[in-house]
Amino acid sequence: MISKFLSKLKSILFKSAATPETPLKQEKKAVKSAKTKTKTKNKAANSKKNIETLTTLPGVGAKSAKALYEAGFKTTKAVIAADEKDLLAVSGVGINLVKKLKKLK
């Protein structure tokens, strides 16, 4: 507890001693932040599209599609080509859904 207090105290004391940022550094940070936000938005849009694509598989709803996507199955081909054991390991995917998917092969 004392060590946490001391580390917090050090961070407060030495924060004021830091050199102020130049306008160029501030501008670079702003540009980098904007690029990161754009990448995050693109990734979110791509993941949403991929999840919607997974719902085109028979028996796969929104929740199952999201679970499959988060488990690493990004495309419908990946789901169809996957082993039964791998699919059953995904939460929300049962034996009946696996049977429907294996009929697609």
N, C-alpha and C. Protein backbone atom coordinates (compact mmCIF):
# COMPACT_ATOMS: atom_id res chain seq x y z
N MET A 1 0.81 -1.17 0.00
CA MET A 1 0.00 0.00 0.00
C MET A 1 0.87 1.25 0.00
N ILE A 2 1.88 1.23 0.79
CA ILE A 2 2.79 2.37 0.85
C ILE A 2 3.51 2.54 -0.49
N SER A 3 3.88 1.43 -1.09
CA SER A 3 4.59 1.52 -2.37
C SER A 3 3.70 2.11 -3.46
N LYS A 4 2.41 1.78 -3.44
CA LYS A 4 1.48 2.37 -4.40
C LYS A 4 1.38 3.87 -4.18
N PHE A 5 1.30 4.25 -2.93
CA PHE A 5 1.22 5.67 -2.60
C PHE A 5 2.46 6.41 -3.07
N LEU A 6 3.62 5.83 -2.81
CA LEU A 6 4.88 6.48 -3.22
C LEU A 6 5.00 6.57 -4.74
N SER A 7 4.60 5.52 -5.44
CA SER A 7 4.70 5.57 -6.90
C SER A 7 3.74 6.62 -7.47
N LYS A 8 2.55 6.74 -6.88
CA LYS A 8 1.61 7.75 -7.34
C LYS A 8 2.15 9.15 -7.05
N LEU A 9 2.74 9.31 -5.88
CA LEU A 9 3.32 10.59 -5.51
C LEU A 9 4.44 10.97 -6.46
N LYS A 10 5.30 10.00 -6.80
CA LYS A 10 6.38 10.27 -7.74
C LYS A 10 5.83 10.70 -9.09
N SER A 11 4.79 10.00 -9.57
CA SER A 11 4.24 10.35 -10.88
C SER A 11 3.66 11.76 -10.88
N ILE A 12 3.07 12.16 -9.77
CA ILE A 12 2.51 13.51 -9.69
C ILE A 12 3.61 14.55 -9.62
N LEU A 13 4.63 14.29 -8.82
CA LEU A 13 5.71 15.25 -8.66
C LEU A 13 6.52 15.42 -9.93
N PHE A 14 6.82 14.34 -10.59
CA PHE A 14 7.69 14.41 -11.76
C PHE A 14 6.94 14.72 -13.04
N LYS A 15 5.63 14.69 -13.00
CA LYS A 15 4.85 15.04 -14.17
C LYS A 15 5.02 16.52 -14.49
N SER A 16 5.05 17.35 -13.47
CA SER A 16 5.19 18.79 -13.67
C SER A 16 6.58 19.15 -14.15
N ALA A 17 7.57 18.30 -13.89
CA ALA A 17 8.93 18.57 -14.29
C ALA A 17 9.19 18.20 -15.76
N ALA A 18 8.24 17.56 -16.40
CA ALA A 18 8.42 17.15 -17.79
C ALA A 18 8.45 18.38 -18.70
N THR A 19 9.17 18.26 -19.80
CA THR A 19 9.27 19.37 -20.73
C THR A 19 7.98 19.48 -21.53
N PRO A 20 7.55 20.71 -21.79
CA PRO A 20 6.32 20.88 -22.56
C PRO A 20 6.53 20.44 -24.01
N GLU A 21 5.46 19.95 -24.62
CA GLU A 21 5.55 19.47 -26.00
C GLU A 21 5.58 20.65 -26.97
N THR A 22 6.34 20.48 -28.02
CA THR A 22 6.39 21.49 -29.06
C THR A 22 5.14 21.36 -29.92
N PRO A 23 4.78 22.42 -30.62
CA PRO A 23 3.60 22.34 -31.49
C PRO A 23 3.71 21.23 -32.55
N LEU A 24 4.93 20.97 -33.02
CA LEU A 24 5.13 19.93 -34.02
C LEU A 24 4.80 18.55 -33.43
N LYS A 25 5.23 18.31 -32.20
CA LYS A 25 4.94 17.04 -31.54
C LYS A 25 3.43 16.88 -31.32
N GLN A 26 2.79 17.97 -30.94
CA GLN A 26 1.35 17.91 -30.73
C GLN A 26 0.62 17.60 -32.03
N GLU A 27 1.10 18.20 -33.13
CA GLU A 27 0.47 17.96 -34.43
C GLU A 27 0.66 16.50 -34.86
N LYS A 28 1.86 15.97 -34.64
CA LYS A 28 2.12 14.58 -34.99
C LYS A 28 1.23 13.63 -34.20
N LYS A 29 1.05 13.92 -32.92
CA LYS A 29 0.18 13.09 -32.08
C LYS A 29 -1.25 13.13 -32.60
N ALA A 30 -1.71 14.30 -33.00
CA ALA A 30 -3.08 14.44 -33.50
C ALA A 30 -3.27 13.65 -34.78
N VAL A 31 -2.28 13.70 -35.67
CA VAL A 31 -2.37 12.95 -36.93
C VAL A 31 -2.36 11.46 -36.66
N LYS A 32 -1.49 11.02 -35.76
CA LYS A 32 -1.40 9.61 -35.43
C LYS A 32 -2.71 9.13 -34.80
N SER A 33 -3.28 9.94 -33.95
CA SER A 33 -4.55 9.59 -33.30
C SER A 33 -5.66 9.47 -34.34
N ALA A 34 -5.69 10.37 -35.31
CA ALA A 34 -6.71 10.32 -36.35
C ALA A 34 -6.55 9.06 -37.20
N LYS A 35 -5.31 8.68 -37.52
CA LYS A 35 -5.07 7.47 -38.30
C LYS A 35 -5.52 6.24 -37.53
N THR A 36 -5.24 6.20 -36.25
CA THR A 36 -5.63 5.07 -35.43
C THR A 36 -7.14 4.94 -35.37
N LYS A 37 -7.84 6.06 -35.24
CA LYS A 37 -9.30 6.04 -35.21
C LYS A 37 -9.86 5.52 -36.53
N THR A 38 -9.26 5.92 -37.65
CA THR A 38 -9.70 5.47 -38.96
C THR A 38 -9.51 3.98 -39.11
N LYS A 39 -8.34 3.47 -38.67
CA LYS A 39 -8.08 2.04 -38.76
C LYS A 39 -9.07 1.27 -37.91
N THR A 40 -9.37 1.77 -36.73
CA THR A 40 -10.30 1.10 -35.84
C THR A 40 -11.69 1.05 -36.46
N LYS A 41 -12.10 2.15 -37.09
CA LYS A 41 -13.41 2.18 -37.75
C LYS A 41 -13.45 1.20 -38.91
N ASN A 42 -12.36 1.12 -39.69
CA ASN A 42 -12.31 0.20 -40.82
C ASN A 42 -12.38 -1.25 -40.34
N LYS A 43 -11.65 -1.57 -39.26
CA LYS A 43 -11.67 -2.92 -38.73
C LYS A 43 -13.06 -3.28 -38.24
N ALA A 44 -13.72 -2.33 -37.58
CA ALA A 44 -15.06 -2.58 -37.07
C ALA A 44 -16.03 -2.81 -38.22
N ALA A 45 -15.89 -2.03 -39.28
CA ALA A 45 -16.76 -2.19 -40.44
C ALA A 45 -16.51 -3.53 -41.12
N ASN A 46 -15.24 -3.91 -41.25
CA ASN A 46 -14.92 -5.19 -41.87
C ASN A 46 -15.43 -6.35 -41.05
N SER A 47 -15.26 -6.28 -39.74
CA SER A 47 -15.73 -7.38 -38.90
C SER A 47 -17.25 -7.48 -38.96
N LYS A 48 -17.92 -6.34 -39.03
CA LYS A 48 -19.38 -6.36 -39.12
C LYS A 48 -19.83 -7.00 -40.44
N LYS A 49 -19.13 -6.68 -41.52
CA LYS A 49 -19.46 -7.28 -42.82
C LYS A 49 -19.22 -8.79 -42.79
N ASN A 50 -18.10 -9.20 -42.20
CA ASN A 50 -17.79 -10.62 -42.13
C ASN A 50 -18.82 -11.38 -41.29
N ILE A 51 -19.25 -10.78 -40.20
CA ILE A 51 -20.26 -11.42 -39.36
C ILE A 51 -21.58 -11.54 -40.12
N GLU A 52 -21.94 -10.50 -40.85
CA GLU A 52 -23.16 -10.56 -41.66
C GLU A 52 -23.06 -11.63 -42.73
N THR A 53 -21.88 -11.81 -43.29
CA THR A 53 -21.67 -12.84 -44.30
C THR A 53 -21.84 -14.23 -43.69
N LEU A 54 -21.37 -14.40 -42.47
CA LEU A 54 -21.50 -15.70 -41.81
C LEU A 54 -22.96 -16.05 -41.54
N THR A 55 -23.82 -15.05 -41.42
CA THR A 55 -25.24 -15.34 -41.18
C THR A 55 -25.93 -15.91 -42.41
N THR A 56 -25.27 -15.89 -43.56
CA THR A 56 -25.85 -16.48 -44.76
C THR A 56 -25.78 -18.01 -44.73
N LEU A 57 -24.98 -18.55 -43.84
CA LEU A 57 -24.91 -20.00 -43.70
C LEU A 57 -26.20 -20.50 -43.06
N PRO A 58 -26.69 -21.67 -43.48
CA PRO A 58 -27.93 -22.18 -42.91
C PRO A 58 -27.78 -22.50 -41.43
N GLY A 59 -28.72 -21.99 -40.64
CA GLY A 59 -28.72 -22.26 -39.20
C GLY A 59 -27.87 -21.32 -38.38
N VAL A 60 -27.16 -20.41 -39.03
CA VAL A 60 -26.29 -19.48 -38.32
C VAL A 60 -27.01 -18.14 -38.18
N GLY A 61 -27.26 -17.77 -36.93
CA GLY A 61 -27.88 -16.48 -36.65
C GLY A 61 -26.83 -15.46 -36.27
N ALA A 62 -27.27 -14.34 -35.78
CA ALA A 62 -26.36 -13.25 -35.44
C ALA A 62 -25.42 -13.64 -34.30
N LYS A 63 -25.96 -14.30 -33.27
CA LYS A 63 -25.13 -14.66 -32.12
C LYS A 63 -24.11 -15.73 -32.51
N SER A 64 -24.54 -16.73 -33.26
CA SER A 64 -23.62 -17.79 -33.68
C SER A 64 -22.55 -17.23 -34.61
N ALA A 65 -22.95 -16.33 -35.49
CA ALA A 65 -21.99 -15.73 -36.42
C ALA A 65 -20.93 -14.94 -35.67
N LYS A 66 -21.37 -14.19 -34.66
CA LYS A 66 -20.41 -13.40 -33.88
C LYS A 66 -19.46 -14.33 -33.12
N ALA A 67 -20.01 -15.40 -32.55
CA ALA A 67 -19.18 -16.35 -31.81
C ALA A 67 -18.17 -17.02 -32.73
N LEU A 68 -18.61 -17.39 -33.93
CA LEU A 68 -17.71 -18.02 -34.90
C LEU A 68 -16.61 -17.05 -35.32
N TYR A 69 -16.99 -15.80 -35.56
CA TYR A 69 -16.01 -14.79 -35.97
C TYR A 69 -14.97 -14.57 -34.89
N GLU A 70 -15.43 -14.47 -33.65
CA GLU A 70 -14.51 -14.24 -32.54
C GLU A 70 -13.63 -15.46 -32.27
N ALA A 71 -14.09 -16.64 -32.70
CA ALA A 71 -13.30 -17.86 -32.52
C ALA A 71 -12.26 -18.02 -33.62
N GLY A 72 -12.30 -17.14 -34.63
CA GLY A 72 -11.28 -17.18 -35.67
C GLY A 72 -11.78 -17.62 -37.03
N PHE A 73 -13.05 -17.94 -37.15
CA PHE A 73 -13.62 -18.32 -38.43
C PHE A 73 -14.15 -17.06 -39.11
N LYS A 74 -13.32 -16.45 -39.96
CA LYS A 74 -13.63 -15.14 -40.53
C LYS A 74 -14.48 -15.23 -41.80
N THR A 75 -14.46 -16.37 -42.49
CA THR A 75 -15.19 -16.50 -43.75
C THR A 75 -16.08 -17.73 -43.71
N THR A 76 -17.02 -17.77 -44.65
CA THR A 76 -17.90 -18.93 -44.73
C THR A 76 -17.11 -20.17 -45.14
N LYS A 77 -16.10 -20.00 -45.98
CA LYS A 77 -15.27 -21.13 -46.39
C LYS A 77 -14.52 -21.72 -45.21
N ALA A 78 -14.06 -20.86 -44.31
CA ALA A 78 -13.34 -21.33 -43.13
C ALA A 78 -14.26 -22.14 -42.22
N VAL A 79 -15.51 -21.72 -42.12
CA VAL A 79 -16.47 -22.45 -41.28
C VAL A 79 -16.78 -23.80 -41.90
N ILE A 80 -17.01 -23.82 -43.20
CA ILE A 80 -17.36 -25.06 -43.88
C ILE A 80 -16.20 -26.05 -43.85
N ALA A 81 -14.97 -25.55 -43.96
CA ALA A 81 -13.80 -26.42 -44.00
C ALA A 81 -13.33 -26.86 -42.62
N ALA A 82 -13.87 -26.28 -41.57
CA ALA A 82 -13.40 -26.57 -40.21
C ALA A 82 -13.81 -27.96 -39.76
N ASP A 83 -13.04 -28.50 -38.83
CA ASP A 83 -13.37 -29.79 -38.23
C ASP A 83 -14.55 -29.63 -37.29
N GLU A 84 -15.27 -30.72 -37.11
CA GLU A 84 -16.44 -30.70 -36.22
C GLU A 84 -16.03 -30.34 -34.80
N LYS A 85 -14.91 -30.86 -34.34
CA LYS A 85 -14.45 -30.58 -32.98
C LYS A 85 -14.17 -29.10 -32.78
N ASP A 86 -13.57 -28.47 -33.80
CA ASP A 86 -13.27 -27.05 -33.70
C ASP A 86 -14.55 -26.21 -33.63
N LEU A 87 -15.54 -26.61 -34.41
CA LEU A 87 -16.80 -25.87 -34.40
C LEU A 87 -17.55 -26.06 -33.09
N LEU A 88 -17.52 -27.28 -32.57
CA LEU A 88 -18.22 -27.55 -31.32
C LEU A 88 -17.56 -26.84 -30.13
N ALA A 89 -16.30 -26.48 -30.27
CA ALA A 89 -15.59 -25.77 -29.21
C ALA A 89 -16.07 -24.32 -29.07
N VAL A 90 -16.73 -23.81 -30.09
CA VAL A 90 -17.23 -22.44 -30.07
C VAL A 90 -18.52 -22.41 -29.26
N SER A 91 -18.60 -21.48 -28.31
CA SER A 91 -19.81 -21.39 -27.50
C SER A 91 -20.97 -20.90 -28.38
N GLY A 92 -22.11 -21.52 -28.20
CA GLY A 92 -23.28 -21.16 -29.00
C GLY A 92 -23.44 -21.99 -30.25
N VAL A 93 -22.50 -22.89 -30.50
CA VAL A 93 -22.58 -23.76 -31.66
C VAL A 93 -22.82 -25.18 -31.16
N GLY A 94 -23.94 -25.75 -31.59
CA GLY A 94 -24.29 -27.10 -31.14
C GLY A 94 -24.12 -28.12 -32.24
N ILE A 95 -24.44 -29.35 -31.91
CA ILE A 95 -24.27 -30.47 -32.84
C ILE A 95 -25.19 -30.33 -34.05
N ASN A 96 -26.40 -29.81 -33.85
CA ASN A 96 -27.33 -29.66 -34.97
C ASN A 96 -26.81 -28.66 -35.99
N LEU A 97 -26.23 -27.57 -35.52
CA LEU A 97 -25.66 -26.58 -36.43
C LEU A 97 -24.47 -27.16 -37.17
N VAL A 98 -23.66 -27.93 -36.49
CA VAL A 98 -22.49 -28.55 -37.12
C VAL A 98 -22.95 -29.51 -38.22
N LYS A 99 -24.01 -30.26 -37.96
CA LYS A 99 -24.54 -31.18 -38.97
C LYS A 99 -25.00 -30.43 -40.21
N LYS A 100 -25.71 -29.30 -40.00
CA LYS A 100 -26.16 -28.49 -41.13
C LYS A 100 -24.98 -27.96 -41.94
N LEU A 101 -23.94 -27.55 -41.25
CA LEU A 101 -22.77 -26.99 -41.94
C LEU A 101 -22.01 -28.07 -42.69
N LYS A 102 -21.96 -29.27 -42.16
CA LYS A 102 -21.21 -30.35 -42.81
C LYS A 102 -21.94 -30.85 -44.05
N LYS A 103 -23.25 -30.62 -44.15
CA LYS A 103 -23.98 -30.98 -45.37
C LYS A 103 -23.57 -30.10 -46.54
N LEU A 104 -23.00 -28.96 -46.26
CA LEU A 104 -22.58 -28.02 -47.30
C LEU A 104 -21.32 -28.44 -48.04
N LYS A 105 -20.55 -29.35 -47.44
CA LYS A 105 -19.28 -29.75 -48.07
C LYS A 105 -19.45 -30.42 -49.36
